[in-house]
Amino acid sequence: KIRSLLPELEKANQLEEEIVEVPSAAMGHTLIKKEVFEKVRFDNSLN
């Protein structure tokens, strides 16, 4: 069923252009500037 989700997703094209700051974000769909990695890395001990 996963492939059938694509047409619906392609129609999303939401007009909402609001960007808000949040305390935390899931990493599965997140963009990060390279400069962040000069100071922060992921903790390998956290599964």
ModelCIF file with pLDDT and N, C-alpha, C, O atoms, coordinates in Angstrom:
data_MODEL
#
_entry.id   MODEL 
#
_entity.id                         1 
_entity.type                       polymer 
_entity.pdbx_number_of_molecules   1 
#
_entity_poly.entity_id                      1 
_entity_poly.type                           'polypeptide(L)' 
_entity_poly.nstd_linkage                   no 
_entity_poly.nstd_monomer                   no 
_entity_poly.pdbx_seq_one_letter_code       KIRSLLPELEKANQLEEEIVEVPSAAMGHTLIKKEVFEKVRFDNSLN 
_entity_poly.pdbx_seq_one_letter_code_can   KIRSLLPELEKANQLEEEIVEVPSAAMGHTLIKKEVFEKVRFDNSLN 
_entity_poly.pdbx_strand_id                 A 
#
loop_
_entity_poly_seq.entity_id 
_entity_poly_seq.num 
_entity_poly_seq.mon_id 
_entity_poly_seq.hetero 
1 1  LYS n 
1 2  ILE n 
1 3  ARG n 
1 4  SER n 
1 5  LEU n 
1 6  LEU n 
1 7  PRO n 
1 8  GLU n 
1 9  LEU n 
1 10 GLU n 
1 11 LYS n 
1 12 ALA n 
1 13 ASN n 
1 14 GLN n 
1 15 LEU n 
1 16 GLU n 
1 17 GLU n 
1 18 GLU n 
1 19 ILE n 
1 20 VAL n 
1 21 GLU n 
1 22 VAL n 
1 23 PRO n 
1 24 SER n 
1 25 ALA n 
1 26 ALA n 
1 27 MET n 
1 28 GLY n 
1 29 HIS n 
1 30 THR n 
1 31 LEU n 
1 32 ILE n 
1 33 LYS n 
1 34 LYS n 
1 35 GLU n 
1 36 VAL n 
1 37 PHE n 
1 38 GLU n 
1 39 LYS n 
1 40 VAL n 
1 41 ARG n 
1 42 PHE n 
1 43 ASP n 
1 44 ASN n 
1 45 SER n 
1 46 LEU n 
1 47 ASN n 
#
_struct_asym.id          A 
_struct_asym.entity_id   1 
#
loop_
_ma_qa_metric.id 
_ma_qa_metric.mode 
_ma_qa_metric.name 
_ma_qa_metric.software_group_id 
_ma_qa_metric.type 
1 global pLDDT . pLDDT 
2 local  pLDDT . pLDDT 
#
_ma_qa_metric_global.metric_id      1 
_ma_qa_metric_global.metric_value   86.94 
_ma_qa_metric_global.model_id       1 
_ma_qa_metric_global.ordinal_id     1 
#
loop_
_ma_qa_metric_local.label_asym_id 
_ma_qa_metric_local.label_comp_id 
_ma_qa_metric_local.label_seq_id 
_ma_qa_metric_local.metric_id 
_ma_qa_metric_local.metric_value 
_ma_qa_metric_local.model_id 
_ma_qa_metric_local.ordinal_id 
A LYS 1  2 80.00 1 1  
A ILE 2  2 82.00 1 2  
A ARG 3  2 82.00 1 3  
A SER 4  2 81.00 1 4  
A LEU 5  2 83.00 1 5  
A LEU 6  2 82.00 1 6  
A PRO 7  2 81.00 1 7  
A GLU 8  2 75.00 1 8  
A LEU 9  2 76.00 1 9  
A GLU 10 2 71.00 1 10 
A LYS 11 2 68.00 1 11 
A ALA 12 2 63.00 1 12 
A ASN 13 2 63.00 1 13 
A GLN 14 2 60.00 1 14 
A LEU 15 2 59.00 1 15 
A GLU 16 2 69.00 1 16 
A GLU 17 2 80.00 1 17 
A GLU 18 2 88.00 1 18 
A ILE 19 2 92.00 1 19 
A VAL 20 2 92.00 1 20 
A GLU 21 2 92.00 1 21 
A VAL 22 2 93.00 1 22 
A PRO 23 2 91.00 1 23 
A SER 24 2 94.00 1 24 
A ALA 25 2 95.00 1 25 
A ALA 26 2 94.00 1 26 
A MET 27 2 95.00 1 27 
A GLY 28 2 95.00 1 28 
A HIS 29 2 97.00 1 29 
A THR 30 2 98.00 1 30 
A LEU 31 2 98.00 1 31 
A ILE 32 2 98.00 1 32 
A LYS 33 2 98.00 1 33 
A LYS 34 2 97.00 1 34 
A GLU 35 2 97.00 1 35 
A VAL 36 2 98.00 1 36 
A PHE 37 2 98.00 1 37 
A GLU 38 2 96.00 1 38 
A LYS 39 2 97.00 1 39 
A VAL 40 2 97.00 1 40 
A ARG 41 2 97.00 1 41 
A PHE 42 2 97.00 1 42 
A ASP 43 2 95.00 1 43 
A ASN 44 2 93.00 1 44 
A SER 45 2 90.00 1 45 
A LEU 46 2 89.00 1 46 
A ASN 47 2 80.00 1 47 
#
loop_
_atom_site.group_PDB 
_atom_site.id 
_atom_site.type_symbol 
_atom_site.label_atom_id 
_atom_site.label_alt_id 
_atom_site.label_comp_id 
_atom_site.label_asym_id 
_atom_site.label_entity_id 
_atom_site.label_seq_id 
_atom_site.pdbx_PDB_ins_code 
_atom_site.Cartn_x 
_atom_site.Cartn_y 
_atom_site.Cartn_z 
_atom_site.occupancy 
_atom_site.B_iso_or_equiv 
_atom_site.pdbx_formal_charge 
_atom_site.auth_seq_id 
_atom_site.auth_comp_id 
_atom_site.auth_asym_id 
_atom_site.auth_atom_id 
_atom_site.pdbx_PDB_model_num 
ATOM 1   N N  . LYS A 1 1  ? 0.808  -1.219 0.000  1.00 80.00 ? 1  LYS A N  1 
ATOM 2   C CA . LYS A 1 1  ? 0.000  0.000  0.000  1.00 80.00 ? 1  LYS A CA 1 
ATOM 3   C C  . LYS A 1 1  ? 0.844  1.273  0.000  1.00 80.00 ? 1  LYS A C  1 
ATOM 4   O O  . LYS A 1 1  ? 0.317  2.357  -0.252 1.00 80.00 ? 1  LYS A O  1 
ATOM 5   N N  . ILE A 1 2  ? 2.128  1.163  0.274  1.00 82.00 ? 2  ILE A N  1 
ATOM 6   C CA . ILE A 1 2  ? 2.938  2.364  0.454  1.00 82.00 ? 2  ILE A CA 1 
ATOM 7   C C  . ILE A 1 2  ? 3.016  3.197  -0.826 1.00 82.00 ? 2  ILE A C  1 
ATOM 8   O O  . ILE A 1 2  ? 2.994  4.426  -0.767 1.00 82.00 ? 2  ILE A O  1 
ATOM 9   N N  . ARG A 1 3  ? 3.108  2.535  -1.981 1.00 82.00 ? 3  ARG A N  1 
ATOM 10  C CA . ARG A 1 3  ? 3.218  3.275  -3.241 1.00 82.00 ? 3  ARG A CA 1 
ATOM 11  C C  . ARG A 1 3  ? 1.965  4.093  -3.528 1.00 82.00 ? 3  ARG A C  1 
ATOM 12  O O  . ARG A 1 3  ? 2.036  5.135  -4.181 1.00 82.00 ? 3  ARG A O  1 
ATOM 13  N N  . SER A 1 4  ? 0.826  3.628  -3.047 1.00 81.00 ? 4  SER A N  1 
ATOM 14  C CA . SER A 1 4  ? -0.432 4.335  -3.302 1.00 81.00 ? 4  SER A CA 1 
ATOM 15  C C  . SER A 1 4  ? -0.503 5.665  -2.568 1.00 81.00 ? 4  SER A C  1 
ATOM 16  O O  . SER A 1 4  ? -1.396 6.469  -2.835 1.00 81.00 ? 4  SER A O  1 
ATOM 17  N N  . LEU A 1 5  ? 0.431  5.911  -1.643 1.00 83.00 ? 5  LEU A N  1 
ATOM 18  C CA . LEU A 1 5  ? 0.434  7.166  -0.902 1.00 83.00 ? 5  LEU A CA 1 
ATOM 19  C C  . LEU A 1 5  ? 1.043  8.310  -1.697 1.00 83.00 ? 5  LEU A C  1 
ATOM 20  O O  . LEU A 1 5  ? 0.801  9.478  -1.390 1.00 83.00 ? 5  LEU A O  1 
ATOM 21  N N  . LEU A 1 6  ? 1.831  7.987  -2.716 1.00 82.00 ? 6  LEU A N  1 
ATOM 22  C CA . LEU A 1 6  ? 2.545  9.023  -3.459 1.00 82.00 ? 6  LEU A CA 1 
ATOM 23  C C  . LEU A 1 6  ? 1.626  10.040 -4.142 1.00 82.00 ? 6  LEU A C  1 
ATOM 24  O O  . LEU A 1 6  ? 1.854  11.243 -4.008 1.00 82.00 ? 6  LEU A O  1 
ATOM 25  N N  . PRO A 1 7  ? 0.594  9.594  -4.871 1.00 81.00 ? 7  PRO A N  1 
ATOM 26  C CA . PRO A 1 7  ? -0.283 10.582 -5.522 1.00 81.00 ? 7  PRO A CA 1 
ATOM 27  C C  . PRO A 1 7  ? -0.902 11.568 -4.539 1.00 81.00 ? 7  PRO A C  1 
ATOM 28  O O  . PRO A 1 7  ? -1.001 12.761 -4.823 1.00 81.00 ? 7  PRO A O  1 
ATOM 29  N N  . GLU A 1 8  ? -1.323 11.051 -3.364 1.00 75.00 ? 8  GLU A N  1 
ATOM 30  C CA . GLU A 1 8  ? -1.909 11.926 -2.348 1.00 75.00 ? 8  GLU A CA 1 
ATOM 31  C C  . GLU A 1 8  ? -0.881 12.918 -1.834 1.00 75.00 ? 8  GLU A C  1 
ATOM 32  O O  . GLU A 1 8  ? -1.188 14.091 -1.621 1.00 75.00 ? 8  GLU A O  1 
ATOM 33  N N  . LEU A 1 9  ? 0.352  12.437 -1.633 1.00 76.00 ? 9  LEU A N  1 
ATOM 34  C CA . LEU A 1 9  ? 1.412  13.295 -1.115 1.00 76.00 ? 9  LEU A CA 1 
ATOM 35  C C  . LEU A 1 9  ? 1.797  14.361 -2.138 1.00 76.00 ? 9  LEU A C  1 
ATOM 36  O O  . LEU A 1 9  ? 2.105  15.496 -1.774 1.00 76.00 ? 9  LEU A O  1 
ATOM 37  N N  . GLU A 1 10 ? 1.778  13.993 -3.414 1.00 71.00 ? 10 GLU A N  1 
ATOM 38  C CA . GLU A 1 10 ? 2.135  14.942 -4.462 1.00 71.00 ? 10 GLU A CA 1 
ATOM 39  C C  . GLU A 1 10 ? 1.135  16.077 -4.569 1.00 71.00 ? 10 GLU A C  1 
ATOM 40  O O  . GLU A 1 10 ? 1.460  17.153 -5.070 1.00 71.00 ? 10 GLU A O  1 
ATOM 41  N N  . LYS A 1 11 ? -0.091 15.837 -4.095 1.00 68.00 ? 11 LYS A N  1 
ATOM 42  C CA . LYS A 1 11 ? -1.118 16.878 -4.137 1.00 68.00 ? 11 LYS A CA 1 
ATOM 43  C C  . LYS A 1 11 ? -1.059 17.791 -2.915 1.00 68.00 ? 11 LYS A C  1 
ATOM 44  O O  . LYS A 1 11 ? -1.750 18.808 -2.856 1.00 68.00 ? 11 LYS A O  1 
ATOM 45  N N  . ALA A 1 12 ? -0.231 17.420 -1.941 1.00 63.00 ? 12 ALA A N  1 
ATOM 46  C CA . ALA A 1 12 ? -0.190 18.173 -0.686 1.00 63.00 ? 12 ALA A CA 1 
ATOM 47  C C  . ALA A 1 12 ? 0.143  19.641 -0.944 1.00 63.00 ? 12 ALA A C  1 
ATOM 48  O O  . ALA A 1 12 ? -0.685 20.524 -0.724 1.00 63.00 ? 12 ALA A O  1 
ATOM 49  N N  . ASN A 1 13 ? 1.359  19.886 -1.410 1.00 63.00 ? 13 ASN A N  1 
ATOM 50  C CA . ASN A 1 13 ? 1.803  21.230 -1.805 1.00 63.00 ? 13 ASN A CA 1 
ATOM 51  C C  . ASN A 1 13 ? 1.150  22.320 -0.958 1.00 63.00 ? 13 ASN A C  1 
ATOM 52  O O  . ASN A 1 13 ? 0.592  23.282 -1.486 1.00 63.00 ? 13 ASN A O  1 
ATOM 53  N N  . GLN A 1 14 ? 1.226  22.156 0.335  1.00 60.00 ? 14 GLN A N  1 
ATOM 54  C CA . GLN A 1 14 ? 0.558  23.070 1.256  1.00 60.00 ? 14 GLN A CA 1 
ATOM 55  C C  . GLN A 1 14 ? 1.028  24.510 1.065  1.00 60.00 ? 14 GLN A C  1 
ATOM 56  O O  . GLN A 1 14 ? 2.211  24.755 0.832  1.00 60.00 ? 14 GLN A O  1 
ATOM 57  N N  . LEU A 1 15 ? 0.117  25.441 1.163  1.00 59.00 ? 15 LEU A N  1 
ATOM 58  C CA . LEU A 1 15 ? 0.437  26.850 0.978  1.00 59.00 ? 15 LEU A CA 1 
ATOM 59  C C  . LEU A 1 15 ? 0.979  27.479 2.253  1.00 59.00 ? 15 LEU A C  1 
ATOM 60  O O  . LEU A 1 15 ? 1.539  28.574 2.222  1.00 59.00 ? 15 LEU A O  1 
ATOM 61  N N  . GLU A 1 16 ? 0.814  26.792 3.363  1.00 69.00 ? 16 GLU A N  1 
ATOM 62  C CA . GLU A 1 16 ? 1.268  27.313 4.657  1.00 69.00 ? 16 GLU A CA 1 
ATOM 63  C C  . GLU A 1 16 ? 2.781  27.488 4.643  1.00 69.00 ? 16 GLU A C  1 
ATOM 64  O O  . GLU A 1 16 ? 3.519  26.521 4.457  1.00 69.00 ? 16 GLU A O  1 
ATOM 65  N N  . GLU A 1 17 ? 3.243  28.718 4.838  1.00 80.00 ? 17 GLU A N  1 
ATOM 66  C CA . GLU A 1 17 ? 4.668  29.003 4.802  1.00 80.00 ? 17 GLU A CA 1 
ATOM 67  C C  . GLU A 1 17 ? 5.166  29.482 6.158  1.00 80.00 ? 17 GLU A C  1 
ATOM 68  O O  . GLU A 1 17 ? 6.125  30.250 6.237  1.00 80.00 ? 17 GLU A O  1 
ATOM 69  N N  . GLU A 1 18 ? 4.515  29.030 7.220  1.00 88.00 ? 18 GLU A N  1 
ATOM 70  C CA . GLU A 1 18 ? 4.889  29.445 8.563  1.00 88.00 ? 18 GLU A CA 1 
ATOM 71  C C  . GLU A 1 18 ? 5.991  28.557 9.119  1.00 88.00 ? 18 GLU A C  1 
ATOM 72  O O  . GLU A 1 18 ? 5.896  27.330 9.091  1.00 88.00 ? 18 GLU A O  1 
ATOM 73  N N  . ILE A 1 19 ? 7.039  29.201 9.623  1.00 92.00 ? 19 ILE A N  1 
ATOM 74  C CA . ILE A 1 19 ? 8.153  28.483 10.246 1.00 92.00 ? 19 ILE A CA 1 
ATOM 75  C C  . ILE A 1 19 ? 8.215  28.918 11.701 1.00 92.00 ? 19 ILE A C  1 
ATOM 76  O O  . ILE A 1 19 ? 8.321  30.110 11.990 1.00 92.00 ? 19 ILE A O  1 
ATOM 77  N N  . VAL A 1 20 ? 8.151  27.967 12.612 1.00 92.00 ? 20 VAL A N  1 
ATOM 78  C CA . VAL A 1 20 ? 8.179  28.282 14.036 1.00 92.00 ? 20 VAL A CA 1 
ATOM 79  C C  . VAL A 1 20 ? 9.316  27.521 14.705 1.00 92.00 ? 20 VAL A C  1 
ATOM 80  O O  . VAL A 1 20 ? 9.658  26.407 14.309 1.00 92.00 ? 20 VAL A O  1 
ATOM 81  N N  . GLU A 1 21 ? 9.888  28.138 15.714 1.00 92.00 ? 21 GLU A N  1 
ATOM 82  C CA . GLU A 1 21 ? 10.937 27.456 16.462 1.00 92.00 ? 21 GLU A CA 1 
ATOM 83  C C  . GLU A 1 21 ? 10.302 26.486 17.442 1.00 92.00 ? 21 GLU A C  1 
ATOM 84  O O  . GLU A 1 21 ? 9.281  26.788 18.059 1.00 92.00 ? 21 GLU A O  1 
ATOM 85  N N  . VAL A 1 22 ? 10.917 25.320 17.580 1.00 93.00 ? 22 VAL A N  1 
ATOM 86  C CA . VAL A 1 22 ? 10.406 24.269 18.454 1.00 93.00 ? 22 VAL A CA 1 
ATOM 87  C C  . VAL A 1 22 ? 11.530 23.789 19.376 1.00 93.00 ? 22 VAL A C  1 
ATOM 88  O O  . VAL A 1 22 ? 12.705 23.953 19.048 1.00 93.00 ? 22 VAL A O  1 
ATOM 89  N N  . PRO A 1 23 ? 11.188 23.203 20.516 1.00 91.00 ? 23 PRO A N  1 
ATOM 90  C CA . PRO A 1 23 ? 12.231 22.723 21.441 1.00 91.00 ? 23 PRO A CA 1 
ATOM 91  C C  . PRO A 1 23 ? 13.050 21.569 20.872 1.00 91.00 ? 23 PRO A C  1 
ATOM 92  O O  . PRO A 1 23 ? 14.239 21.437 21.162 1.00 91.00 ? 23 PRO A O  1 
ATOM 93  N N  . SER A 1 24 ? 12.401 20.730 20.056 1.00 94.00 ? 24 SER A N  1 
ATOM 94  C CA . SER A 1 24 ? 13.063 19.527 19.556 1.00 94.00 ? 24 SER A CA 1 
ATOM 95  C C  . SER A 1 24 ? 12.377 19.074 18.281 1.00 94.00 ? 24 SER A C  1 
ATOM 96  O O  . SER A 1 24 ? 11.220 19.413 18.033 1.00 94.00 ? 24 SER A O  1 
ATOM 97  N N  . ALA A 1 25 ? 13.099 18.304 17.471 1.00 95.00 ? 25 ALA A N  1 
ATOM 98  C CA . ALA A 1 25 ? 12.538 17.801 16.215 1.00 95.00 ? 25 ALA A CA 1 
ATOM 99  C C  . ALA A 1 25 ? 13.011 16.380 15.970 1.00 95.00 ? 25 ALA A C  1 
ATOM 100 O O  . ALA A 1 25 ? 14.144 16.027 16.299 1.00 95.00 ? 25 ALA A O  1 
ATOM 101 N N  . ALA A 1 26 ? 12.138 15.567 15.391 1.00 94.00 ? 26 ALA A N  1 
ATOM 102 C CA . ALA A 1 26 ? 12.533 14.220 14.978 1.00 94.00 ? 26 ALA A CA 1 
ATOM 103 C C  . ALA A 1 26 ? 13.455 14.327 13.781 1.00 94.00 ? 26 ALA A C  1 
ATOM 104 O O  . ALA A 1 26 ? 13.277 15.210 12.941 1.00 94.00 ? 26 ALA A O  1 
ATOM 105 N N  . MET A 1 27 ? 14.432 13.448 13.688 1.00 95.00 ? 27 MET A N  1 
ATOM 106 C CA . MET A 1 27 ? 15.459 13.577 12.666 1.00 95.00 ? 27 MET A CA 1 
ATOM 107 C C  . MET A 1 27 ? 15.120 12.894 11.341 1.00 95.00 ? 27 MET A C  1 
ATOM 108 O O  . MET A 1 27 ? 15.893 12.994 10.388 1.00 95.00 ? 27 MET A O  1 
ATOM 109 N N  . GLY A 1 28 ? 13.990 12.209 11.261 1.00 95.00 ? 28 GLY A N  1 
ATOM 110 C CA . GLY A 1 28 ? 13.690 11.432 10.056 1.00 95.00 ? 28 GLY A CA 1 
ATOM 111 C C  . GLY A 1 28 ? 13.312 12.239 8.842  1.00 95.00 ? 28 GLY A C  1 
ATOM 112 O O  . GLY A 1 28 ? 13.105 11.675 7.767  1.00 95.00 ? 28 GLY A O  1 
ATOM 113 N N  . HIS A 1 29 ? 13.213 13.574 8.985  1.00 97.00 ? 29 HIS A N  1 
ATOM 114 C CA . HIS A 1 29 ? 12.775 14.435 7.879  1.00 97.00 ? 29 HIS A CA 1 
ATOM 115 C C  . HIS A 1 29 ? 13.268 15.855 8.143  1.00 97.00 ? 29 HIS A C  1 
ATOM 116 O O  . HIS A 1 29 ? 12.502 16.812 8.030  1.00 97.00 ? 29 HIS A O  1 
ATOM 117 N N  . THR A 1 30 ? 14.550 15.990 8.495  1.00 98.00 ? 30 THR A N  1 
ATOM 118 C CA . THR A 1 30 ? 15.083 17.241 9.014  1.00 98.00 ? 30 THR A CA 1 
ATOM 119 C C  . THR A 1 30 ? 16.362 17.668 8.301  1.00 98.00 ? 30 THR A C  1 
ATOM 120 O O  . THR A 1 30 ? 17.253 16.857 8.052  1.00 98.00 ? 30 THR A O  1 
ATOM 121 N N  . LEU A 1 31 ? 16.432 18.958 7.977  1.00 98.00 ? 31 LEU A N  1 
ATOM 122 C CA . LEU A 1 31 ? 17.583 19.562 7.303  1.00 98.00 ? 31 LEU A CA 1 
ATOM 123 C C  . LEU A 1 31 ? 18.460 20.275 8.323  1.00 98.00 ? 31 LEU A C  1 
ATOM 124 O O  . LEU A 1 31 ? 17.954 21.005 9.176  1.00 98.00 ? 31 LEU A O  1 
ATOM 125 N N  . ILE A 1 32 ? 19.784 20.066 8.240  1.00 98.00 ? 32 ILE A N  1 
ATOM 126 C CA . ILE A 1 32 ? 20.708 20.648 9.209  1.00 98.00 ? 32 ILE A CA 1 
ATOM 127 C C  . ILE A 1 32 ? 21.894 21.275 8.469  1.00 98.00 ? 32 ILE A C  1 
ATOM 128 O O  . ILE A 1 32 ? 22.469 20.663 7.568  1.00 98.00 ? 32 ILE A O  1 
ATOM 129 N N  . LYS A 1 33 ? 22.248 22.498 8.861  1.00 98.00 ? 33 LYS A N  1 
ATOM 130 C CA . LYS A 1 33 ? 23.414 23.147 8.276  1.00 98.00 ? 33 LYS A CA 1 
ATOM 131 C C  . LYS A 1 33 ? 24.694 22.493 8.774  1.00 98.00 ? 33 LYS A C  1 
ATOM 132 O O  . LYS A 1 33 ? 24.757 22.005 9.902  1.00 98.00 ? 33 LYS A O  1 
ATOM 133 N N  . LYS A 1 34 ? 25.706 22.488 7.927  1.00 97.00 ? 34 LYS A N  1 
ATOM 134 C CA . LYS A 1 34 ? 26.969 21.825 8.252  1.00 97.00 ? 34 LYS A CA 1 
ATOM 135 C C  . LYS A 1 34 ? 27.626 22.420 9.484  1.00 97.00 ? 34 LYS A C  1 
ATOM 136 O O  . LYS A 1 34 ? 28.304 21.710 10.228 1.00 97.00 ? 34 LYS A O  1 
ATOM 137 N N  . GLU A 1 35 ? 27.435 23.721 9.712  1.00 97.00 ? 35 GLU A N  1 
ATOM 138 C CA . GLU A 1 35 ? 28.085 24.389 10.840 1.00 97.00 ? 35 GLU A CA 1 
ATOM 139 C C  . GLU A 1 35 ? 27.669 23.789 12.183 1.00 97.00 ? 35 GLU A C  1 
ATOM 140 O O  . GLU A 1 35 ? 28.427 23.847 13.151 1.00 97.00 ? 35 GLU A O  1 
ATOM 141 N N  . VAL A 1 36 ? 26.457 23.209 12.242 1.00 98.00 ? 36 VAL A N  1 
ATOM 142 C CA . VAL A 1 36 ? 25.989 22.601 13.495 1.00 98.00 ? 36 VAL A CA 1 
ATOM 143 C C  . VAL A 1 36 ? 26.895 21.426 13.867 1.00 98.00 ? 36 VAL A C  1 
ATOM 144 O O  . VAL A 1 36 ? 27.195 21.216 15.042 1.00 98.00 ? 36 VAL A O  1 
ATOM 145 N N  . PHE A 1 37 ? 27.325 20.667 12.867 1.00 98.00 ? 37 PHE A N  1 
ATOM 146 C CA . PHE A 1 37 ? 28.091 19.451 13.131 1.00 98.00 ? 37 PHE A CA 1 
ATOM 147 C C  . PHE A 1 37 ? 29.509 19.739 13.617 1.00 98.00 ? 37 PHE A C  1 
ATOM 148 O O  . PHE A 1 37 ? 30.198 18.837 14.094 1.00 98.00 ? 37 PHE A O  1 
ATOM 149 N N  . GLU A 1 38 ? 29.947 20.996 13.498 1.00 96.00 ? 38 GLU A N  1 
ATOM 150 C CA . GLU A 1 38 ? 31.260 21.360 14.033 1.00 96.00 ? 38 GLU A CA 1 
ATOM 151 C C  . GLU A 1 38 ? 31.247 21.381 15.555 1.00 96.00 ? 38 GLU A C  1 
ATOM 152 O O  . GLU A 1 38 ? 32.297 21.324 16.196 1.00 96.00 ? 38 GLU A O  1 
ATOM 153 N N  . LYS A 1 39 ? 30.023 21.465 16.141 1.00 97.00 ? 39 LYS A N  1 
ATOM 154 C CA . LYS A 1 39 ? 29.913 21.538 17.596 1.00 97.00 ? 39 LYS A CA 1 
ATOM 155 C C  . LYS A 1 39 ? 29.089 20.413 18.215 1.00 97.00 ? 39 LYS A C  1 
ATOM 156 O O  . LYS A 1 39 ? 29.205 20.134 19.409 1.00 97.00 ? 39 LYS A O  1 
ATOM 157 N N  . VAL A 1 40 ? 28.258 19.770 17.401 1.00 97.00 ? 40 VAL A N  1 
ATOM 158 C CA . VAL A 1 40 ? 27.334 18.778 17.955 1.00 97.00 ? 40 VAL A CA 1 
ATOM 159 C C  . VAL A 1 40 ? 27.348 17.512 17.104 1.00 97.00 ? 40 VAL A C  1 
ATOM 160 O O  . VAL A 1 40 ? 27.334 17.582 15.875 1.00 97.00 ? 40 VAL A O  1 
ATOM 161 N N  . ARG A 1 41 ? 27.377 16.372 17.754 1.00 97.00 ? 41 ARG A N  1 
ATOM 162 C CA . ARG A 1 41 ? 27.218 15.083 17.090 1.00 97.00 ? 41 ARG A CA 1 
ATOM 163 C C  . ARG A 1 41 ? 26.185 14.256 17.860 1.00 97.00 ? 41 ARG A C  1 
ATOM 164 O O  . ARG A 1 41 ? 25.786 14.611 18.969 1.00 97.00 ? 41 ARG A O  1 
ATOM 165 N N  . PHE A 1 42 ? 25.766 13.162 17.257 1.00 97.00 ? 42 PHE A N  1 
ATOM 166 C CA . PHE A 1 42 ? 24.812 12.273 17.911 1.00 97.00 ? 42 PHE A CA 1 
ATOM 167 C C  . PHE A 1 42 ? 25.540 11.390 18.916 1.00 97.00 ? 42 PHE A C  1 
ATOM 168 O O  . PHE A 1 42 ? 26.680 10.983 18.691 1.00 97.00 ? 42 PHE A O  1 
ATOM 169 N N  . ASP A 1 43 ? 24.877 11.103 20.011 1.00 95.00 ? 43 ASP A N  1 
ATOM 170 C CA . ASP A 1 43 ? 25.444 10.279 21.073 1.00 95.00 ? 43 ASP A CA 1 
ATOM 171 C C  . ASP A 1 43 ? 25.243 8.806  20.716 1.00 95.00 ? 43 ASP A C  1 
ATOM 172 O O  . ASP A 1 43 ? 24.114 8.316  20.690 1.00 95.00 ? 43 ASP A O  1 
ATOM 173 N N  . ASN A 1 44 ? 26.336 8.110  20.445 1.00 93.00 ? 44 ASN A N  1 
ATOM 174 C CA . ASN A 1 44 ? 26.259 6.712  20.009 1.00 93.00 ? 44 ASN A CA 1 
ATOM 175 C C  . ASN A 1 44 ? 25.686 5.776  21.067 1.00 93.00 ? 44 ASN A C  1 
ATOM 176 O O  . ASN A 1 44 ? 25.280 4.658  20.748 1.00 93.00 ? 44 ASN A O  1 
ATOM 177 N N  . SER A 1 45 ? 25.650 6.216  22.317 1.00 90.00 ? 45 SER A N  1 
ATOM 178 C CA . SER A 1 45 ? 25.139 5.350  23.390 1.00 90.00 ? 45 SER A CA 1 
ATOM 179 C C  . SER A 1 45 ? 23.622 5.383  23.489 1.00 90.00 ? 45 SER A C  1 
ATOM 180 O O  . SER A 1 45 ? 23.036 4.622  24.259 1.00 90.00 ? 45 SER A O  1 
ATOM 181 N N  . LEU A 1 46 ? 22.978 6.260  22.716 1.00 89.00 ? 46 LEU A N  1 
ATOM 182 C CA . LEU A 1 46 ? 21.521 6.397  22.797 1.00 89.00 ? 46 LEU A CA 1 
ATOM 183 C C  . LEU A 1 46 ? 20.853 5.662  21.643 1.00 89.00 ? 46 LEU A C  1 
ATOM 184 O O  . LEU A 1 46 ? 20.881 6.129  20.504 1.00 89.00 ? 46 LEU A O  1 
ATOM 185 N N  . ASN A 1 47 ? 20.260 4.524  21.935 1.00 80.00 ? 47 ASN A N  1 
ATOM 186 C CA . ASN A 1 47 ? 19.494 3.814  20.913 1.00 80.00 ? 47 ASN A CA 1 
ATOM 187 C C  . ASN A 1 47 ? 18.143 4.473  20.673 1.00 80.00 ? 47 ASN A C  1 
ATOM 188 O O  . ASN A 1 47 ? 17.367 4.003  19.841 1.00 80.00 ? 47 ASN A O  1 
#
